[in-house]
N, C-alpha and C. Protein backbone atom coordinates (compact mmCIF):
# COMPACT_ATOMS: atom_id res chain seq x y z
N MET A 1 20.62 25.44 -5.16
CA MET A 1 20.44 24.05 -5.53
C MET A 1 19.87 23.25 -4.36
N LEU A 2 20.39 23.47 -3.19
CA LEU A 2 19.89 22.74 -2.03
C LEU A 2 18.44 23.10 -1.75
N SER A 3 18.09 24.37 -1.89
CA SER A 3 16.71 24.79 -1.63
C SER A 3 15.75 24.15 -2.64
N GLU A 4 16.19 24.01 -3.89
CA GLU A 4 15.36 23.34 -4.90
C GLU A 4 15.14 21.88 -4.53
N GLN A 5 16.19 21.22 -4.07
CA GLN A 5 16.06 19.82 -3.68
C GLN A 5 15.14 19.67 -2.47
N LEU A 6 15.24 20.60 -1.53
CA LEU A 6 14.36 20.57 -0.36
C LEU A 6 12.90 20.73 -0.77
N GLU A 7 12.65 21.58 -1.75
CA GLU A 7 11.29 21.75 -2.26
C GLU A 7 10.77 20.47 -2.91
N VAL A 8 11.62 19.81 -3.67
CA VAL A 8 11.24 18.54 -4.29
C VAL A 8 10.90 17.52 -3.22
N TRP A 9 11.74 17.40 -2.22
CA TRP A 9 11.49 16.45 -1.13
C TRP A 9 10.19 16.78 -0.39
N ALA A 10 9.94 18.06 -0.18
CA ALA A 10 8.72 18.48 0.52
C ALA A 10 7.48 18.09 -0.29
N ARG A 11 7.53 18.31 -1.60
CA ARG A 11 6.39 17.92 -2.46
C ARG A 11 6.20 16.40 -2.45
N GLN A 12 7.29 15.66 -2.50
CA GLN A 12 7.19 14.19 -2.47
C GLN A 12 6.61 13.72 -1.14
N TYR A 13 7.05 14.34 -0.06
CA TYR A 13 6.56 13.98 1.27
C TYR A 13 5.07 14.28 1.38
N GLU A 14 4.66 15.43 0.88
CA GLU A 14 3.24 15.81 0.90
C GLU A 14 2.41 14.83 0.07
N ALA A 15 2.88 14.50 -1.11
CA ALA A 15 2.16 13.57 -1.98
C ALA A 15 2.04 12.21 -1.31
N ARG A 16 3.10 11.75 -0.69
CA ARG A 16 3.08 10.45 -0.01
C ARG A 16 2.07 10.47 1.14
N GLY A 17 2.00 11.58 1.85
CA GLY A 17 1.05 11.70 2.95
C GLY A 17 -0.39 11.64 2.45
N GLU A 18 -0.66 12.27 1.30
CA GLU A 18 -2.00 12.23 0.74
C GLU A 18 -2.36 10.82 0.28
N ILE A 19 -1.41 10.12 -0.30
CA ILE A 19 -1.65 8.73 -0.71
C ILE A 19 -1.96 7.87 0.51
N MET A 20 -1.19 8.04 1.57
CA MET A 20 -1.42 7.26 2.78
C MET A 20 -2.79 7.58 3.39
N ALA A 21 -3.18 8.86 3.37
CA ALA A 21 -4.49 9.25 3.90
C ALA A 21 -5.60 8.62 3.06
N LEU A 22 -5.47 8.66 1.75
CA LEU A 22 -6.47 8.06 0.87
C LEU A 22 -6.59 6.57 1.14
N GLN A 23 -5.47 5.88 1.24
CA GLN A 23 -5.49 4.44 1.49
C GLN A 23 -6.14 4.13 2.84
N LYS A 24 -5.86 4.93 3.84
CA LYS A 24 -6.45 4.71 5.15
C LYS A 24 -7.97 4.90 5.11
N LEU A 25 -8.41 5.96 4.46
CA LEU A 25 -9.85 6.19 4.34
C LEU A 25 -10.54 5.09 3.55
N LEU A 26 -9.92 4.66 2.45
CA LEU A 26 -10.50 3.58 1.65
C LEU A 26 -10.62 2.29 2.45
N ALA A 27 -9.57 1.93 3.17
CA ALA A 27 -9.58 0.69 3.96
C ALA A 27 -10.63 0.77 5.06
N LYS A 28 -10.75 1.92 5.68
CA LYS A 28 -11.73 2.09 6.76
C LYS A 28 -13.16 2.00 6.21
N ARG A 29 -13.36 2.57 5.02
CA ARG A 29 -14.71 2.63 4.44
C ARG A 29 -15.12 1.34 3.75
N PHE A 30 -14.18 0.70 3.01
CA PHE A 30 -14.55 -0.43 2.17
C PHE A 30 -13.84 -1.74 2.50
N GLY A 31 -12.87 -1.72 3.40
CA GLY A 31 -12.11 -2.93 3.71
C GLY A 31 -10.85 -3.01 2.88
N ALA A 32 -10.37 -4.23 2.70
CA ALA A 32 -9.10 -4.45 1.99
C ALA A 32 -9.13 -3.80 0.60
N ILE A 33 -8.06 -3.14 0.28
CA ILE A 33 -7.95 -2.45 -1.01
C ILE A 33 -7.35 -3.41 -2.04
N PRO A 34 -8.05 -3.65 -3.13
CA PRO A 34 -7.52 -4.55 -4.17
C PRO A 34 -6.21 -4.03 -4.75
N ALA A 35 -5.37 -4.95 -5.18
CA ALA A 35 -4.06 -4.60 -5.71
C ALA A 35 -4.14 -3.68 -6.91
N ASP A 36 -5.13 -3.87 -7.79
CA ASP A 36 -5.23 -3.01 -8.97
C ASP A 36 -5.52 -1.56 -8.58
N ILE A 37 -6.25 -1.36 -7.50
CA ILE A 37 -6.53 0.00 -7.03
C ILE A 37 -5.29 0.60 -6.37
N LEU A 38 -4.56 -0.20 -5.62
CA LEU A 38 -3.31 0.29 -5.04
C LEU A 38 -2.34 0.73 -6.14
N ASP A 39 -2.29 -0.04 -7.21
CA ASP A 39 -1.43 0.32 -8.35
C ASP A 39 -1.89 1.62 -8.98
N LYS A 40 -3.21 1.77 -9.13
CA LYS A 40 -3.76 2.99 -9.73
C LYS A 40 -3.42 4.21 -8.87
N ILE A 41 -3.55 4.05 -7.56
CA ILE A 41 -3.23 5.16 -6.65
C ILE A 41 -1.75 5.51 -6.73
N ALA A 42 -0.91 4.49 -6.74
CA ALA A 42 0.55 4.71 -6.76
C ALA A 42 1.01 5.44 -8.01
N SER A 43 0.31 5.25 -9.12
CA SER A 43 0.74 5.88 -10.37
C SER A 43 -0.05 7.16 -10.69
N ALA A 44 -0.93 7.57 -9.79
CA ALA A 44 -1.77 8.74 -10.04
C ALA A 44 -1.02 10.04 -9.78
N SER A 45 -1.51 11.07 -10.42
CA SER A 45 -0.97 12.42 -10.18
C SER A 45 -1.47 12.93 -8.83
N LYS A 46 -0.81 13.94 -8.31
CA LYS A 46 -1.24 14.56 -7.06
C LYS A 46 -2.66 15.09 -7.20
N GLU A 47 -2.97 15.66 -8.35
CA GLU A 47 -4.31 16.20 -8.59
C GLU A 47 -5.36 15.10 -8.54
N GLN A 48 -5.06 13.94 -9.10
CA GLN A 48 -6.01 12.83 -9.09
C GLN A 48 -6.21 12.32 -7.66
N VAL A 49 -5.14 12.19 -6.90
CA VAL A 49 -5.25 11.76 -5.50
C VAL A 49 -6.11 12.75 -4.72
N ASP A 50 -5.89 14.04 -4.94
CA ASP A 50 -6.71 15.07 -4.29
C ASP A 50 -8.18 14.89 -4.64
N SER A 51 -8.46 14.61 -5.89
CA SER A 51 -9.84 14.40 -6.33
C SER A 51 -10.47 13.20 -5.63
N TRP A 52 -9.73 12.11 -5.55
CA TRP A 52 -10.26 10.92 -4.86
C TRP A 52 -10.49 11.21 -3.38
N LEU A 53 -9.59 11.96 -2.77
CA LEU A 53 -9.78 12.33 -1.36
C LEU A 53 -11.06 13.13 -1.17
N ASP A 54 -11.35 14.02 -2.12
CA ASP A 54 -12.56 14.82 -2.04
C ASP A 54 -13.82 13.97 -2.19
N GLN A 55 -13.74 12.86 -2.91
CA GLN A 55 -14.90 12.05 -3.22
C GLN A 55 -15.10 10.84 -2.32
N VAL A 56 -14.09 10.45 -1.56
CA VAL A 56 -14.11 9.16 -0.88
C VAL A 56 -15.27 9.01 0.10
N LEU A 57 -15.66 10.05 0.79
CA LEU A 57 -16.72 9.92 1.77
C LEU A 57 -18.11 9.83 1.14
N ASP A 58 -18.24 10.26 -0.10
CA ASP A 58 -19.52 10.18 -0.80
C ASP A 58 -19.66 8.91 -1.62
N ALA A 59 -18.56 8.20 -1.84
CA ALA A 59 -18.59 6.99 -2.67
C ALA A 59 -19.22 5.82 -1.91
N ASN A 60 -19.88 4.95 -2.67
CA ASN A 60 -20.48 3.75 -2.09
C ASN A 60 -19.66 2.49 -2.34
N SER A 61 -18.65 2.61 -3.20
CA SER A 61 -17.83 1.45 -3.53
C SER A 61 -16.53 1.93 -4.16
N PHE A 62 -15.59 0.99 -4.30
CA PHE A 62 -14.36 1.30 -5.03
C PHE A 62 -14.69 1.74 -6.44
N GLY A 63 -15.68 1.09 -7.05
CA GLY A 63 -16.05 1.40 -8.42
C GLY A 63 -16.52 2.83 -8.60
N ASP A 64 -17.17 3.39 -7.57
CA ASP A 64 -17.60 4.78 -7.66
C ASP A 64 -16.41 5.72 -7.84
N LEU A 65 -15.31 5.40 -7.23
CA LEU A 65 -14.12 6.25 -7.30
C LEU A 65 -13.22 5.92 -8.49
N PHE A 66 -13.04 4.64 -8.73
CA PHE A 66 -12.01 4.21 -9.67
C PHE A 66 -12.55 3.60 -10.96
N GLY A 67 -13.87 3.62 -11.13
CA GLY A 67 -14.44 2.99 -12.31
C GLY A 67 -14.42 1.48 -12.18
N SER A 68 -14.48 0.81 -13.29
CA SER A 68 -14.47 -0.66 -13.27
C SER A 68 -13.19 -1.18 -12.66
N THR A 69 -13.34 -2.10 -11.75
CA THR A 69 -12.19 -2.75 -11.13
C THR A 69 -12.38 -4.24 -11.24
N THR A 70 -11.37 -4.98 -10.88
CA THR A 70 -11.48 -6.43 -10.91
C THR A 70 -12.27 -6.95 -9.72
N HIS A 71 -12.55 -6.06 -8.73
CA HIS A 71 -13.29 -6.49 -7.55
C HIS A 71 -14.54 -5.68 -7.36
């Protein structure tokens, strides 16, 4: 049981690290991240965050990554 919980925590920690990396790259590339995009990132699956990380350096705008946004 403890080993299962440790695995869950490790996956959560890894996912949080990927979210933080994505946010850092987005802020560095495009400036302030709009709230609607932060919400989208927070509710995304690990697979979706991985996909955005793969695309962030090729994107020209938030819209390229996230589709229509309010900004």
